[in-house]
Amino acid sequence: MIDKEPTIQDLMQVYNLVVEFIEKHRLTGPDSIYQSDRVYEYAPELVEDLANVVGYYDDGDEDEESKNEIHTENTPYYTICPFLSKMV
């Protein structure tokens, strides 16, 4: 669960990250999102940037050290970023 209340600065950071991503990849509409390999390639970076602003899910089960570990070996990208599974 993410308990952080967003500030105006947080909301602006999220907005700016999304605008930067859209402009960088020249996304002109939904079709350009689904037809661009660059979107799939760079989406995890965008999600990380967004999570750095918003915060990460805390289920209370992990110790502090293991929260910072990222295990992605042999893991399909769409399981790392669930919103991408809709694009597969």
C-alpha atoms as a PDB file:
ATOM      1  CA  MET A   1       0.000   0.000   0.000  1.00  0.00           C
ATOM      2  CA  ILE A   2       1.188   3.509  -0.755  1.00  0.00           C
ATOM      3  CA  ASP A   3       0.338   5.867   2.098  1.00  0.00           C
ATOM      4  CA  LYS A   4       2.049   8.980   0.785  1.00  0.00           C
ATOM      5  CA  GLU A   5      -0.230  11.973   0.223  1.00  0.00           C
ATOM      6  CA  PRO A   6       0.782  13.696  -3.022  1.00  0.00           C
ATOM      7  CA  THR A   7       1.910  17.291  -2.917  1.00  0.00           C
ATOM      8  CA  ILE A   8       1.423  19.785  -5.735  1.00  0.00           C
ATOM      9  CA  GLN A   9       5.139  19.358  -6.446  1.00  0.00           C
ATOM     10  CA  ASP A  10       4.681  15.552  -6.718  1.00  0.00           C
ATOM     11  CA  LEU A  11       1.771  15.984  -9.113  1.00  0.00           C
ATOM     12  CA  MET A  12       3.769  18.409 -11.247  1.00  0.00           C
ATOM     13  CA  GLN A  13       6.731  16.008 -11.320  1.00  0.00           C
ATOM     14  CA  VAL A  14       4.485  13.163 -12.493  1.00  0.00           C
ATOM     15  CA  TYR A  15       2.890  15.387 -15.118  1.00  0.00           C
ATOM     16  CA  ASN A  16       6.304  16.574 -16.346  1.00  0.00           C
ATOM     17  CA  LEU A  17       7.663  13.020 -16.536  1.00  0.00           C
ATOM     18  CA  VAL A  18       4.709  11.920 -18.659  1.00  0.00           C
ATOM     19  CA  VAL A  19       4.908  14.976 -20.929  1.00  0.00           C
ATOM     20  CA  GLU A  20       8.650  14.444 -21.367  1.00  0.00           C
ATOM     21  CA  PHE A  21       8.071  10.778 -22.275  1.00  0.00           C
ATOM     22  CA  ILE A  22       5.319  11.638 -24.782  1.00  0.00           C
ATOM     23  CA  GLU A  23       7.419  14.319 -26.441  1.00  0.00           C
ATOM     24  CA  LYS A  24      10.630  12.269 -26.444  1.00  0.00           C
ATOM     25  CA  HIS A  25       8.905   9.353 -28.188  1.00  0.00           C
ATOM     26  CA  ARG A  26       6.649  11.565 -30.336  1.00  0.00           C
ATOM     27  CA  LEU A  27       3.467   9.806 -29.275  1.00  0.00           C
ATOM     28  CA  THR A  28       0.685  11.242 -31.389  1.00  0.00           C
ATOM     29  CA  GLY A  29      -2.106   8.928 -30.221  1.00  0.00           C
ATOM     30  CA  PRO A  30      -2.911   5.423 -29.001  1.00  0.00           C
ATOM     31  CA  ASP A  31      -1.725   3.821 -32.235  1.00  0.00           C
ATOM     32  CA  SER A  32       1.730   5.335 -31.905  1.00  0.00           C
ATOM     33  CA  ILE A  33       1.999   3.879 -28.410  1.00  0.00           C
ATOM     34  CA  TYR A  34       1.178   0.326 -29.452  1.00  0.00           C
ATOM     35  CA  GLN A  35       3.224   0.412 -32.658  1.00  0.00           C
ATOM     36  CA  SER A  36       6.436   1.746 -31.148  1.00  0.00           C
ATOM     37  CA  ASP A  37       9.063  -0.648 -29.854  1.00  0.00           C
ATOM     38  CA  ARG A  38      10.696   2.338 -28.139  1.00  0.00           C
ATOM     39  CA  VAL A  39       7.688   2.660 -25.839  1.00  0.00           C
ATOM     40  CA  TYR A  40       8.124  -0.940 -24.667  1.00  0.00           C
ATOM     41  CA  GLU A  41      11.866  -0.427 -24.289  1.00  0.00           C
ATOM     42  CA  TYR A  42      11.667   2.778 -22.259  1.00  0.00           C
ATOM     43  CA  ALA A  43       8.437   2.206 -20.301  1.00  0.00           C
ATOM     44  CA  PRO A  44      10.194   0.502 -17.367  1.00  0.00           C
ATOM     45  CA  GLU A  45      12.399   3.578 -16.968  1.00  0.00           C
ATOM     46  CA  LEU A  46       9.295   5.783 -16.952  1.00  0.00           C
ATOM     47  CA  VAL A  47       7.617   3.564 -14.367  1.00  0.00           C
ATOM     48  CA  GLU A  48      10.718   3.711 -12.167  1.00  0.00           C
ATOM     49  CA  ASP A  49      10.812   7.510 -12.436  1.00  0.00           C
ATOM     50  CA  LEU A  50       7.111   7.702 -11.553  1.00  0.00           C
ATOM     51  CA  ALA A  51       7.499   5.320  -8.605  1.00  0.00           C
ATOM     52  CA  ASN A  52      10.415   7.381  -7.323  1.00  0.00           C
ATOM     53  CA  VAL A  53       8.002  10.308  -7.069  1.00  0.00           C
ATOM     54  CA  VAL A  54       4.868   8.477  -5.921  1.00  0.00           C
ATOM     55  CA  GLY A  55       6.498   5.810  -3.767  1.00  0.00           C
ATOM     56  CA  TYR A  56       6.659   2.054  -3.866  1.00  0.00           C
ATOM     57  CA  TYR A  57       4.175  -0.520  -2.656  1.00  0.00           C
ATOM     58  CA  ASP A  58       4.852  -1.681   0.890  1.00  0.00           C
ATOM     59  CA  ASP A  59       3.215  -4.928   1.900  1.00  0.00           C
ATOM     60  CA  GLY A  60       5.002  -4.935   5.241  1.00  0.00           C
ATOM     61  CA  ASP A  61       6.507  -8.393   4.690  1.00  0.00           C
ATOM     62  CA  GLU A  62       9.946  -7.476   3.399  1.00  0.00           C
ATOM     63  CA  ASP A  63      12.889  -6.217   5.374  1.00  0.00           C
ATOM     64  CA  GLU A  64      14.428  -2.878   4.372  1.00  0.00           C
ATOM     65  CA  GLU A  65      17.390  -4.387   2.483  1.00  0.00           C
ATOM     66  CA  SER A  66      15.337  -6.727   0.294  1.00  0.00           C
ATOM     67  CA  LYS A  67      12.966  -3.890  -0.694  1.00  0.00           C
ATOM     68  CA  ASN A  68      15.788  -2.314  -2.654  1.00  0.00           C
ATOM     69  CA  GLU A  69      16.651  -5.496  -4.532  1.00  0.00           C
ATOM     70  CA  ILE A  70      15.225  -5.861  -8.005  1.00  0.00           C
ATOM     71  CA  HIS A  71      14.902  -9.410  -9.300  1.00  0.00           C
ATOM     72  CA  THR A  72      14.285  -9.332 -13.029  1.00  0.00           C
ATOM     73  CA  GLU A  73      16.420 -12.191 -14.286  1.00  0.00           C
ATOM     74  CA  ASN A  74      14.461 -14.276 -16.781  1.00  0.00           C
ATOM     75  CA  THR A  75      11.296 -12.325 -15.986  1.00  0.00           C
ATOM     76  CA  PRO A  76       9.208 -11.086 -18.919  1.00  0.00           C
ATOM     77  CA  TYR A  77       8.973  -7.291 -18.992  1.00  0.00           C
ATOM     78  CA  TYR A  78       5.180  -7.418 -18.829  1.00  0.00           C
ATOM     79  CA  THR A  79       5.285  -9.079 -15.403  1.00  0.00           C
ATOM     80  CA  ILE A  80       7.659  -6.425 -14.110  1.00  0.00           C
ATOM     81  CA  CYS A  81       5.377  -3.646 -15.417  1.00  0.00           C
ATOM     82  CA  PRO A  82       1.815  -4.990 -15.214  1.00  0.00           C
ATOM     83  CA  PHE A  83       0.320  -2.155 -17.259  1.00  0.00           C
ATOM     84  CA  LEU A  84       2.396  -3.401 -20.209  1.00  0.00           C
ATOM     85  CA  SER A  85       0.598  -6.766 -20.119  1.00  0.00           C
ATOM     86  CA  LYS A  86      -2.371  -5.013 -21.724  1.00  0.00           C
ATOM     87  CA  MET A  87      -0.112  -4.164 -24.669  1.00  0.00           C
ATOM     88  CA  VAL A  88       1.162  -7.701 -25.279  1.00  0.00           C
END
